[in-house]
PDB file of N, CA and C in Angstrom:
ATOM      1  N   UNK A   1      -1.968   4.387 -11.846  1.00  0.00           N
ATOM      2  CA  UNK A   1      -0.720   4.917 -12.318  1.00  0.00           C
ATOM      3  C   UNK A   1      -0.940   5.707 -13.601  1.00  0.00           C
ATOM      4  N   UNK A   2      -1.831   5.200 -14.457  1.00  0.00           N
ATOM      5  CA  UNK A   2      -2.106   5.905 -15.705  1.00  0.00           C
ATOM      6  C   UNK A   2      -2.703   7.276 -15.427  1.00  0.00           C
ATOM      7  N   UNK A   3      -3.584   7.354 -14.423  1.00  0.00           N
ATOM      8  CA  UNK A   3      -4.189   8.636 -14.080  1.00  0.00           C
ATOM      9  C   UNK A   3      -3.126   9.601 -13.603  1.00  0.00           C
ATOM     10  N   UNK A   4      -2.174   9.102 -12.854  1.00  0.00           N
ATOM     11  CA  UNK A   4      -1.094   9.947 -12.354  1.00  0.00           C
ATOM     12  C   UNK A   4      -0.264  10.483 -13.511  1.00  0.00           C
ATOM     13  N   UNK A   5       0.097   9.588 -14.452  1.00  0.00           N
ATOM     14  CA  UNK A   5       0.891  10.016 -15.600  1.00  0.00           C
ATOM     15  C   UNK A   5       0.130  11.020 -16.449  1.00  0.00           C
ATOM     16  N   UNK A   6      -1.182  10.787 -16.642  1.00  0.00           N
ATOM     17  CA  UNK A   6      -1.988  11.730 -17.398  1.00  0.00           C
ATOM     18  C   UNK A   6      -2.041  13.074 -16.685  1.00  0.00           C
ATOM     19  N   UNK A   7      -2.203  13.039 -15.372  1.00  0.00           N
ATOM     20  CA  UNK A   7      -2.266  14.264 -14.573  1.00  0.00           C
ATOM     21  C   UNK A   7      -0.959  15.048 -14.706  1.00  0.00           C
ATOM     22  N   UNK A   8       0.169  14.353 -14.621  1.00  0.00           N
ATOM     23  CA  UNK A   8       1.475  15.012 -14.733  1.00  0.00           C
ATOM     24  C   UNK A   8       1.660  15.596 -16.120  1.00  0.00           C
ATOM     25  N   UNK A   9       1.319  14.820 -17.154  1.00  0.00           N
ATOM     26  CA  UNK A   9       1.512  15.319 -18.515  1.00  0.00           C
ATOM     27  C   UNK A   9       0.604  16.507 -18.802  1.00  0.00           C
ATOM     28  N   UNK A  10      -0.637  16.482 -18.293  1.00  0.00           N
ATOM     29  CA  UNK A  10      -1.556  17.601 -18.506  1.00  0.00           C
ATOM     30  C   UNK A  10      -1.049  18.835 -17.784  1.00  0.00           C
ATOM     31  N   UNK A  11      -0.642  18.683 -16.536  1.00  0.00           N
ATOM     32  CA  UNK A  11      -0.155  19.831 -15.770  1.00  0.00           C
ATOM     33  C   UNK A  11       1.118  20.404 -16.379  1.00  0.00           C
ATOM     34  N   UNK A  12       2.049  19.538 -16.788  1.00  0.00           N
ATOM     35  CA  UNK A  12       3.310  20.037 -17.339  1.00  0.00           C
ATOM     36  C   UNK A  12       3.073  20.758 -18.642  1.00  0.00           C
ATOM     37  N   UNK A  13       2.165  20.252 -19.498  1.00  0.00           N
ATOM     38  CA  UNK A  13       1.896  20.938 -20.760  1.00  0.00           C
ATOM     39  C   UNK A  13       1.203  22.271 -20.500  1.00  0.00           C
ATOM     40  N   UNK A  14       0.322  22.332 -19.510  1.00  0.00           N
ATOM     41  CA  UNK A  14      -0.343  23.593 -19.181  1.00  0.00           C
ATOM     42  C   UNK A  14       0.646  24.597 -18.612  1.00  0.00           C
ATOM     43  N   UNK A  15       1.599  24.131 -17.807  1.00  0.00           N
ATOM     44  CA  UNK A  15       2.593  25.036 -17.250  1.00  0.00           C
ATOM     45  C   UNK A  15       3.515  25.578 -18.338  1.00  0.00           C
ATOM     46  N   UNK A  16       3.890  24.746 -19.284  1.00  0.00           N
ATOM     47  CA  UNK A  16       4.733  25.206 -20.391  1.00  0.00           C
ATOM     48  C   UNK A  16       3.997  26.246 -21.201  1.00  0.00           C
ATOM     49  N   UNK A  17       2.708  25.999 -21.498  1.00  0.00           N
ATOM     50  CA  UNK A  17       1.902  26.970 -22.226  1.00  0.00           C
ATOM     51  C   UNK A  17       1.803  28.282 -21.453  1.00  0.00           C
ATOM     52  N   UNK A  18       1.650  28.196 -20.151  1.00  0.00           N
ATOM     53  CA  UNK A  18       1.509  29.400 -19.325  1.00  0.00           C
ATOM     54  C   UNK A  18       2.791  30.219 -19.335  1.00  0.00           C
ATOM     55  N   UNK A  19       3.959  29.567 -19.351  1.00  0.00           N
ATOM     56  CA  UNK A  19       5.233  30.285 -19.371  1.00  0.00           C
ATOM     57  C   UNK A  19       5.421  31.040 -20.680  1.00  0.00           C
ATOM     58  N   UNK A  20       4.998  30.445 -21.770  1.00  0.00           N
ATOM     59  CA  UNK A  20       5.159  31.097 -23.071  1.00  0.00           C
ATOM     60  C   UNK A  20       4.145  32.203 -23.293  1.00  0.00           C
ATOM     61  N   UNK A  21       3.047  32.170 -22.586  1.00  0.00           N
ATOM     62  CA  UNK A  21       1.998  33.173 -22.751  1.00  0.00           C
ATOM     63  C   UNK A  21       1.809  33.939 -21.448  1.00  0.00           C
ATOM     64  N   UNK A  22       2.882  34.547 -20.965  1.00  0.00           N
ATOM     65  CA  UNK A  22       2.825  35.267 -19.684  1.00  0.00           C
ATOM     66  C   UNK A  22       1.868  36.446 -19.733  1.00  0.00           C
ATOM     67  N   UNK A  23       1.769  37.071 -20.884  1.00  0.00           N
ATOM     68  CA  UNK A  23       0.915  38.254 -20.975  1.00  0.00           C
ATOM     69  C   UNK A  23      -0.564  37.892 -21.096  1.00  0.00           C
ATOM     70  N   UNK A  24      -0.894  36.630 -21.246  1.00  0.00           N
ATOM     71  CA  UNK A  24      -2.288  36.205 -21.354  1.00  0.00           C
ATOM     72  C   UNK A  24      -2.933  36.185 -19.975  1.00  0.00           C
ATOM     73  N   UNK A  25      -4.242  36.057 -19.942  1.00  0.00           N
ATOM     74  CA  UNK A  25      -4.975  35.997 -18.680  1.00  0.00           C
ATOM     75  C   UNK A  25      -4.651  34.699 -17.952  1.00  0.00           C
ATOM     76  N   UNK A  26      -4.645  34.735 -16.627  1.00  0.00           N
ATOM     77  CA  UNK A  26      -4.342  33.514 -15.868  1.00  0.00           C
ATOM     78  C   UNK A  26      -5.394  32.435 -16.116  1.00  0.00           C
ATOM     79  N   UNK A  27      -4.946  31.199 -16.123  1.00  0.00           N
ATOM     80  CA  UNK A  27      -5.825  30.057 -16.365  1.00  0.00           C
ATOM     81  C   UNK A  27      -6.432  29.607 -15.035  1.00  0.00           C
ATOM     82  N   UNK A  28      -7.685  29.929 -14.800  1.00  0.00           N
ATOM     83  CA  UNK A  28      -8.356  29.588 -13.559  1.00  0.00           C
ATOM     84  C   UNK A  28      -8.602  28.084 -13.470  1.00  0.00           C
ATOM     85  N   UNK A  29      -8.781  27.442 -14.613  1.00  0.00           N
ATOM     86  CA  UNK A  29      -9.020  25.999 -14.624  1.00  0.00           C
ATOM     87  C   UNK A  29      -7.824  25.245 -14.042  1.00  0.00           C
ATOM     88  N   UNK A  30      -6.626  25.700 -14.324  1.00  0.00           N
ATOM     89  CA  UNK A  30      -5.413  25.066 -13.816  1.00  0.00           C
ATOM     90  C   UNK A  30      -5.356  25.148 -12.293  1.00  0.00           C
ATOM     91  N   UNK A  31      -5.680  26.301 -11.737  1.00  0.00           N
ATOM     92  CA  UNK A  31      -5.638  26.472 -10.294  1.00  0.00           C
ATOM     93  C   UNK A  31      -6.684  25.603  -9.603  1.00  0.00           C
ATOM     94  N   UNK A  32      -7.888  25.512 -10.157  1.00  0.00           N
ATOM     95  CA  UNK A  32      -8.926  24.669  -9.578  1.00  0.00           C
ATOM     96  C   UNK A  32      -8.521  23.201  -9.631  1.00  0.00           C
ATOM     97  N   UNK A  33      -7.964  22.792 -10.754  1.00  0.00           N
ATOM     98  CA  UNK A  33      -7.539  21.406 -10.929  1.00  0.00           C
ATOM     99  C   UNK A  33      -6.432  21.053  -9.937  1.00  0.00           C
ATOM    100  N   UNK A  34      -5.523  21.968  -9.709  1.00  0.00           N
ATOM    101  CA  UNK A  34      -4.413  21.741  -8.780  1.00  0.00           C
ATOM    102  C   UNK A  34      -4.913  21.649  -7.333  1.00  0.00           C
ATOM    103  N   UNK A  35      -5.829  22.512  -6.943  1.00  0.00           N
ATOM    104  CA  UNK A  35      -6.362  22.491  -5.583  1.00  0.00           C
ATOM    105  C   UNK A  35      -7.142  21.210  -5.312  1.00  0.00           C
ATOM    106  N   UNK A  36      -7.794  20.701  -6.338  1.00  0.00           N
ATOM    107  CA  UNK A  36      -8.595  19.503  -6.191  1.00  0.00           C
ATOM    108  C   UNK A  36      -7.741  18.294  -5.806  1.00  0.00           C
ATOM    109  N   UNK A  37      -6.559  18.185  -6.411  1.00  0.00           N
ATOM    110  CA  UNK A  37      -5.736  16.994  -6.249  1.00  0.00           C
ATOM    111  C   UNK A  37      -4.596  17.165  -5.250  1.00  0.00           C
ATOM    112  N   UNK A  38      -4.523  18.287  -4.583  1.00  0.00           N
ATOM    113  CA  UNK A  38      -3.410  18.526  -3.669  1.00  0.00           C
ATOM    114  C   UNK A  38      -3.406  17.522  -2.510  1.00  0.00           C
ATOM    115  N   UNK A  39      -4.522  17.323  -1.884  1.00  0.00           N
ATOM    116  CA  UNK A  39      -4.616  16.377  -0.758  1.00  0.00           C
ATOM    117  C   UNK A  39      -5.811  15.472  -1.005  1.00  0.00           C
ATOM    118  N   UNK A  40      -5.518  14.193  -1.219  1.00  0.00           N
ATOM    119  CA  UNK A  40      -6.595  13.243  -1.455  1.00  0.00           C
ATOM    120  C   UNK A  40      -6.545  12.155  -0.405  1.00  0.00           C
ATOM    121  N   UNK A  41      -7.603  11.378  -0.352  1.00  0.00           N
ATOM    122  CA  UNK A  41      -7.666  10.254   0.571  1.00  0.00           C
ATOM    123  C   UNK A  41      -7.328   8.947  -0.132  1.00  0.00           C
ATOM    124  N   UNK A  42      -6.739   9.026  -1.319  1.00  0.00           N
ATOM    125  CA  UNK A  42      -6.360   7.834  -2.064  1.00  0.00           C
ATOM    126  C   UNK A  42      -5.268   7.096  -1.290  1.00  0.00           C
ATOM    127  N   UNK A  43      -5.509   5.847  -0.870  1.00  0.00           N
ATOM    128  CA  UNK A  43      -4.542   5.129  -0.039  1.00  0.00           C
ATOM    129  C   UNK A  43      -3.196   4.919  -0.724  1.00  0.00           C
ATOM    130  N   UNK A  44      -3.202   4.756  -2.034  1.00  0.00           N
ATOM    131  CA  UNK A  44      -1.935   4.563  -2.738  1.00  0.00           C
ATOM    132  C   UNK A  44      -1.093   5.827  -2.678  1.00  0.00           C
ATOM    133  N   UNK A  45      -1.719   6.968  -2.902  1.00  0.00           N
ATOM    134  CA  UNK A  45      -0.976   8.234  -2.834  1.00  0.00           C
ATOM    135  C   UNK A  45      -0.466   8.510  -1.423  1.00  0.00           C
ATOM    136  N   UNK A  46      -1.306   8.207  -0.433  1.00  0.00           N
ATOM    137  CA  UNK A  46      -0.884   8.401   0.959  1.00  0.00           C
ATOM    138  C   UNK A  46       0.299   7.492   1.270  1.00  0.00           C
ATOM    139  N   UNK A  47       0.234   6.229   0.827  1.00  0.00           N
ATOM    140  CA  UNK A  47       1.326   5.272   1.048  1.00  0.00           C
ATOM    141  C   UNK A  47       2.611   5.758   0.379  1.00  0.00           C
ATOM    142  N   UNK A  48       2.518   6.185  -0.868  1.00  0.00           N
ATOM    143  CA  UNK A  48       3.712   6.654  -1.583  1.00  0.00           C
ATOM    144  C   UNK A  48       4.289   7.910  -0.946  1.00  0.00           C
ATOM    145  N   UNK A  49       3.420   8.795  -0.475  1.00  0.00           N
ATOM    146  CA  UNK A  49       3.895  10.010   0.185  1.00  0.00           C
ATOM    147  C   UNK A  49       4.639   9.649   1.476  1.00  0.00           C
ATOM    148  N   UNK A  50       4.075   8.689   2.242  1.00  0.00           N
ATOM    149  CA  UNK A  50       4.723   8.245   3.475  1.00  0.00           C
ATOM    150  C   UNK A  50       6.049   7.549   3.184  1.00  0.00           C
ATOM    151  N   UNK A  51       6.084   6.722   2.145  1.00  0.00           N
ATOM    152  CA  UNK A  51       7.314   6.018   1.776  1.00  0.00           C
ATOM    153  C   UNK A  51       8.427   7.005   1.416  1.00  0.00           C
ATOM    154  N   UNK A  52       8.052   8.094   0.782  1.00  0.00           N
ATOM    155  CA  UNK A  52       9.044   9.094   0.404  1.00  0.00           C
ATOM    156  C   UNK A  52       9.612   9.839   1.598  1.00  0.00           C
ATOM    157  N   UNK A  53       8.902   9.853   2.703  1.00  0.00           N
ATOM    158  CA  UNK A  53       9.374  10.605   3.867  1.00  0.00           C
ATOM    159  C   UNK A  53      10.203   9.759   4.828  1.00  0.00           C
ATOM    160  N   UNK A  54      10.263   8.445   4.601  1.00  0.00           N
ATOM    161  CA  UNK A  54      11.009   7.547   5.482  1.00  0.00           C
ATOM    162  C   UNK A  54      12.365   7.239   4.850  1.00  0.00           C
ATOM    163  N   UNK A  55      13.424   7.414   5.627  1.00  0.00           N
ATOM    164  CA  UNK A  55      14.740   7.107   5.092  1.00  0.00           C
ATOM    165  C   UNK A  55      14.979   5.604   5.098  1.00  0.00           C
ATOM    166  N   UNK A  56      15.725   5.119   4.107  1.00  0.00           N
ATOM    167  CA  UNK A  56      16.023   3.699   3.989  1.00  0.00           C
ATOM    168  C   UNK A  56      17.185   3.328   4.891  1.00  0.00           C
ATOM    169  N   UNK A  57      17.269   2.043   5.230  1.00  0.00           N
ATOM    170  CA  UNK A  57      18.369   1.561   6.056  1.00  0.00           C
ATOM    171  C   UNK A  57      19.644   1.472   5.225  1.00  0.00           C
ATOM    172  N   UNK A  58      20.739   1.817   5.840  1.00  0.00           N
ATOM    173  CA  UNK A  58      22.033   1.600   5.205  1.00  0.00           C
ATOM    174  C   UNK A  58      22.472   0.167   5.497  1.00  0.00           C
ATOM    175  N   UNK A  59      23.564  -0.248   4.901  1.00  0.00           N
ATOM    176  CA  UNK A  59      24.068  -1.603   5.146  1.00  0.00           C
ATOM    177  C   UNK A  59      24.365  -1.790   6.630  1.00  0.00           C
ATOM    178  N   UNK A  60      25.027  -0.808   7.228  1.00  0.00           N
ATOM    179  CA  UNK A  60      25.365  -0.882   8.645  1.00  0.00           C
ATOM    180  C   UNK A  60      24.109  -0.863   9.509  1.00  0.00           C
ATOM    181  N   UNK A  61      23.103  -0.109   9.095  1.00  0.00           N
ATOM    182  CA  UNK A  61      21.838  -0.079   9.831  1.00  0.00           C
ATOM    183  C   UNK A  61      21.137  -1.431   9.814  1.00  0.00           C
ATOM    184  N   UNK A  62      21.179  -2.112   8.661  1.00  0.00           N
ATOM    185  CA  UNK A  62      20.584  -3.450   8.572  1.00  0.00           C
ATOM    186  C   UNK A  62      21.315  -4.428   9.471  1.00  0.00           C
ATOM    187  N   UNK A  63      22.642  -4.348   9.483  1.00  0.00           N
ATOM    188  CA  UNK A  63      23.440  -5.233  10.335  1.00  0.00           C
ATOM    189  C   UNK A  63      23.098  -4.995  11.802  1.00  0.00           C
ATOM    190  N   UNK A  64      23.024  -3.737  12.197  1.00  0.00           N
ATOM    191  CA  UNK A  64      22.708  -3.379  13.581  1.00  0.00           C
ATOM    192  C   UNK A  64      21.315  -3.884  13.960  1.00  0.00           C
ATOM    193  N   UNK A  65      20.345  -3.734  13.050  1.00  0.00           N
ATOM    194  CA  UNK A  65      18.988  -4.198  13.317  1.00  0.00           C
ATOM    195  C   UNK A  65      18.944  -5.722  13.458  1.00  0.00           C
ATOM    196  N   UNK A  66      19.661  -6.438  12.596  1.00  0.00           N
ATOM    197  CA  UNK A  66      19.704  -7.902  12.680  1.00  0.00           C
ATOM    198  C   UNK A  66      20.342  -8.358  13.990  1.00  0.00           C
ATOM    199  N   UNK A  67      21.391  -7.658  14.430  1.00  0.00           N
ATOM    200  CA  UNK A  67      22.035  -8.002  15.705  1.00  0.00           C
ATOM    201  C   UNK A  67      21.081  -7.783  16.872  1.00  0.00           C
ATOM    202  N   UNK A  68      20.321  -6.693  16.834  1.00  0.00           N
ATOM    203  CA  UNK A  68      19.352  -6.429  17.897  1.00  0.00           C
ATOM    204  C   UNK A  68      18.260  -7.487  17.926  1.00  0.00           C
ATOM    205  N   UNK A  69      17.825  -7.936  16.741  1.00  0.00           N
ATOM    206  CA  UNK A  69      16.792  -8.971  16.678  1.00  0.00           C
ATOM    207  C   UNK A  69      17.316 -10.292  17.246  1.00  0.00           C
ATOM    208  N   UNK A  70      18.534 -10.670  16.883  1.00  0.00           N
ATOM    209  CA  UNK A  70      19.130 -11.896  17.409  1.00  0.00           C
ATOM    210  C   UNK A  70      19.294 -11.819  18.918  1.00  0.00           C
ATOM    211  N   UNK A  71      19.715 -10.671  19.407  1.00  0.00           N
ATOM    212  CA  UNK A  71      19.875 -10.481  20.857  1.00  0.00           C
ATOM    213  C   UNK A  71      18.526 -10.603  21.562  1.00  0.00           C
ATOM    214  N   UNK A  72      17.470 -10.051  20.952  1.00  0.00           N
ATOM    215  CA  UNK A  72      16.126 -10.152  21.525  1.00  0.00           C
ATOM    216  C   UNK A  72      15.640 -11.590  21.587  1.00  0.00           C
ATOM    217  N   UNK A  73      15.876 -12.346  20.503  1.00  0.00           N
ATOM    218  CA  UNK A  73      15.485 -13.766  20.512  1.00  0.00           C
ATOM    219  C   UNK A  73      16.225 -14.525  21.601  1.00  0.00           C
ATOM    220  N   UNK A  74      17.512 -14.243  21.755  1.00  0.00           N
ATOM    221  CA  UNK A  74      18.311 -14.904  22.785  1.00  0.00           C
ATOM    222  C   UNK A  74      17.754 -14.603  24.180  1.00  0.00           C
ATOM    223  N   UNK A  75      17.424 -13.343  24.417  1.00  0.00           N
ATOM    224  CA  UNK A  75      16.903 -12.960  25.736  1.00  0.00           C
ATOM    225  C   UNK A  75      15.549 -13.615  26.023  1.00  0.00           C
ATOM    226  N   UNK A  76      14.708 -13.757  25.004  1.00  0.00           N
ATOM    227  CA  UNK A  76      13.411 -14.418  25.190  1.00  0.00           C
ATOM    228  C   UNK A  76      13.625 -15.888  25.528  1.00  0.00           C
ATOM    229  N   UNK A  77      14.509 -16.555  24.773  1.00  0.00           N
ATOM    230  CA  UNK A  77      14.787 -17.972  25.048  1.00  0.00           C
ATOM    231  C   UNK A  77      15.364 -18.159  26.448  1.00  0.00           C
ATOM    232  N   UNK A  78      16.236 -17.261  26.840  1.00  0.00           N
ATOM    233  CA  UNK A  78      16.849 -17.342  28.164  1.00  0.00           C
ATOM    234  C   UNK A  78      15.789 -17.188  29.253  1.00  0.00           C
ATOM    235  N   UNK A  79      14.899 -16.216  29.078  1.00  0.00           N
ATOM    236  CA  UNK A  79      13.849 -15.991  30.071  1.00  0.00           C
ATOM    237  C   UNK A  79      12.897 -17.184  30.134  1.00  0.00           C
ATOM    238  N   UNK A  80      12.541 -17.729  28.973  1.00  0.00           N
ATOM    239  CA  UNK A  80      11.640 -18.886  28.960  1.00  0.00           C
ATOM    240  C   UNK A  80      12.288 -20.112  29.598  1.00  0.00           C
ATOM    241  N   UNK A  81      13.580 -20.292  29.361  1.00  0.00           N
ATOM    242  CA  UNK A  81      14.255 -21.469  29.908  1.00  0.00           C
ATOM    243  C   UNK A  81      14.367 -21.416  31.429  1.00  0.00           C
ATOM    244  N   UNK A  82      14.252 -20.239  31.996  1.00  0.00           N
ATOM    245  CA  UNK A  82      14.353 -20.091  33.452  1.00  0.00           C
ATOM    246  C   UNK A  82      12.995 -20.010  34.138  1.00  0.00           C
ATOM    247  N   UNK A  83      11.935 -20.084  33.359  1.00  0.00           N
ATOM    248  CA  UNK A  83      10.594 -19.958  33.917  1.00  0.00           C
ATOM    249  C   UNK A  83      10.136 -21.288  34.531  1.00  0.00           C
ATOM    250  N   UNK A  84       9.676 -21.264  35.774  1.00  0.00           N
ATOM    251  CA  UNK A  84       9.165 -22.489  36.399  1.00  0.00           C
ATOM    252  C   UNK A  84       7.945 -23.061  35.664  1.00  0.00           C
ATOM    253  N   UNK A  85       7.135 -22.220  35.119  1.00  0.00           N
ATOM    254  CA  UNK A  85       5.961 -22.661  34.385  1.00  0.00           C
ATOM    255  C   UNK A  85       6.367 -23.482  33.153  1.00  0.00           C
ATOM    256  N   UNK A  86       7.389 -23.014  32.443  1.00  0.00           N
ATOM    257  CA  UNK A  86       7.877 -23.741  31.270  1.00  0.00           C
ATOM    258  C   UNK A  86       8.481 -25.072  31.699  1.00  0.00           C
ATOM    259  N   UNK A  87       9.245 -25.073  32.796  1.00  0.00           N
ATOM    260  CA  UNK A  87       9.851 -26.317  33.274  1.00  0.00           C
ATOM    261  C   UNK A  87       8.784 -27.348  33.618  1.00  0.00           C
ATOM    262  N   UNK A  88       7.710 -26.908  34.291  1.00  0.00           N
ATOM    263  CA  UNK A  88       6.635 -27.845  34.643  1.00  0.00           C
ATOM    264  C   UNK A  88       5.986 -28.435  33.397  1.00  0.00           C
ATOM    265  N   UNK A  89       5.775 -27.595  32.386  1.00  0.00           N
ATOM    266  CA  UNK A  89       5.155 -28.068  31.150  1.00  0.00           C
ATOM    267  C   UNK A  89       6.065 -29.067  30.425  1.00  0.00           C
ATOM    268  N   UNK A  90       7.363 -28.794  30.381  1.00  0.00           N
ATOM    269  CA  UNK A  90       8.315 -29.703  29.727  1.00  0.00           C
ATOM    270  C   UNK A  90       8.351 -31.037  30.465  1.00  0.00           C
ATOM    271  N   UNK A  91       8.380 -30.993  31.789  1.00  0.00           N
ATOM    272  CA  UNK A  91       8.395 -32.237  32.564  1.00  0.00           C
ATOM    273  C   UNK A  91       7.095 -33.030  32.393  1.00  0.00           C
ATOM    274  N   UNK A  92       5.973 -32.325  32.283  1.00  0.00           N
ATOM    275  CA  UNK A  92       4.692 -32.998  32.057  1.00  0.00           C
ATOM    276  C   UNK A  92       4.676 -33.660  30.684  1.00  0.00           C
ATOM    277  N   UNK A  93       5.216 -32.999  29.683  1.00  0.00           N
ATOM    278  CA  UNK A  93       5.297 -33.585  28.349  1.00  0.00           C
ATOM    279  C   UNK A  93       6.234 -34.792  28.328  1.00  0.00           C
ATOM    280  N   UNK A  94       7.323 -34.703  29.090  1.00  0.00           N
ATOM    281  CA  UNK A  94       8.251 -35.825  29.170  1.00  0.00           C
ATOM    282  C   UNK A  94       7.552 -37.041  29.806  1.00  0.00           C
ATOM    283  N   UNK A  95       6.788 -36.805  30.839  1.00  0.00           N
ATOM    284  CA  UNK A  95       6.073 -37.896  31.511  1.00  0.00           C
ATOM    285  C   UNK A  95       5.015 -38.507  30.579  1.00  0.00           C
ATOM    286  N   UNK A  96       4.295 -37.671  29.849  1.00  0.00           N
ATOM    287  CA  UNK A  96       3.312 -38.168  28.885  1.00  0.00           C
ATOM    288  C   UNK A  96       3.983 -39.012  27.805  1.00  0.00           C
ATOM    289  N   UNK A  97       5.171 -38.611  27.407  1.00  0.00           N
ATOM    290  CA  UNK A  97       5.918 -39.359  26.404  1.00  0.00           C
ATOM    291  C   UNK A  97       6.353 -40.725  26.928  1.00  0.00           C
ATOM    292  N   UNK A  98       6.798 -40.759  28.174  1.00  0.00           N
ATOM    293  CA  UNK A  98       7.213 -42.029  28.795  1.00  0.00           C
ATOM    294  C   UNK A  98       6.034 -42.995  28.945  1.00  0.00           C
ATOM    295  N   UNK A  99       4.872 -42.453  29.295  1.00  0.00           N
ATOM    296  CA  UNK A  99       3.691 -43.294  29.511  1.00  0.00           C
ATOM    297  C   UNK A  99       3.014 -43.686  28.203  1.00  0.00           C
ATOM    298  N   UNK A 100       3.412 -43.087  27.117  1.00  0.00           N
ATOM    299  CA  UNK A 100       2.824 -43.417  25.821  1.00  0.00           C
ATOM    300  C   UNK A 100       1.553 -42.665  25.503  1.00  0.00           C
ATOM    301  N   UNK A 101       1.244 -41.637  26.280  1.00  0.00           N
ATOM    302  CA  UNK A 101       0.047 -40.834  26.034  1.00  0.00           C
ATOM    303  C   UNK A 101       0.213 -40.052  24.730  1.00  0.00           C
ATOM    304  N   UNK A 102       1.401 -39.549  24.494  1.00  0.00           N
ATOM    305  CA  UNK A 102       1.729 -38.838  23.256  1.00  0.00           C
ATOM    306  C   UNK A 102       2.884 -39.563  22.564  1.00  0.00           C
ATOM    307  N   UNK A 103       2.994 -39.365  21.272  1.00  0.00           N
ATOM    308  CA  UNK A 103       4.108 -39.963  20.530  1.00  0.00           C
ATOM    309  C   UNK A 103       5.124 -38.889  20.195  1.00  0.00           C
ATOM    310  N   UNK A 104       6.324 -39.330  19.906  1.00  0.00           N
ATOM    311  CA  UNK A 104       7.393 -38.397  19.538  1.00  0.00           C
ATOM    312  C   UNK A 104       7.036 -37.668  18.240  1.00  0.00           C
ATOM    313  N   UNK A 105       6.300 -38.332  17.344  1.00  0.00           N
ATOM    314  CA  UNK A 105       5.888 -37.697  16.074  1.00  0.00           C
ATOM    315  C   UNK A 105       4.976 -36.497  16.301  1.00  0.00           C
ATOM    316  N   UNK A 106       4.281 -36.449  17.425  1.00  0.00           N
ATOM    317  CA  UNK A 106       3.415 -35.309  17.725  1.00  0.00           C
ATOM    318  C   UNK A 106       4.215 -34.023  17.949  1.00  0.00           C
ATOM    319  N   UNK A 107       5.478 -34.177  18.292  1.00  0.00           N
ATOM    320  CA  UNK A 107       6.311 -33.002  18.564  1.00  0.00           C
ATOM    321  C   UNK A 107       7.135 -32.577  17.359  1.00  0.00           C
ATOM    322  N   UNK A 108       7.413 -33.511  16.468  1.00  0.00           N
ATOM    323  CA  UNK A 108       8.293 -33.204  15.337  1.00  0.00           C
ATOM    324  C   UNK A 108       7.607 -33.414  14.027  1.00  0.00           C
TER     325      UNK A 108
END
């Protein structure tokens, strides 16, 4: 973060100097420095750039997303409860519990 702030302060001071000295020769060092840092592979910069391009959820969007998630959980539970494979496993666990092979504490 400090490097970023230093970079911004250096560039802004150079740009201000350039505006006041329009009749002076162009600063080639500024252009080279700018080209160097335009696209980097720094993961933090890439992450921040991506974060800036994604819109945030509104209150209504969050509500809609939560409703969709709850509906998805309900549908998964419904599908699992109707599966013969799940029923066989539950009945096998019930039988093991009756015979004392497993204890109730093993489940809770």
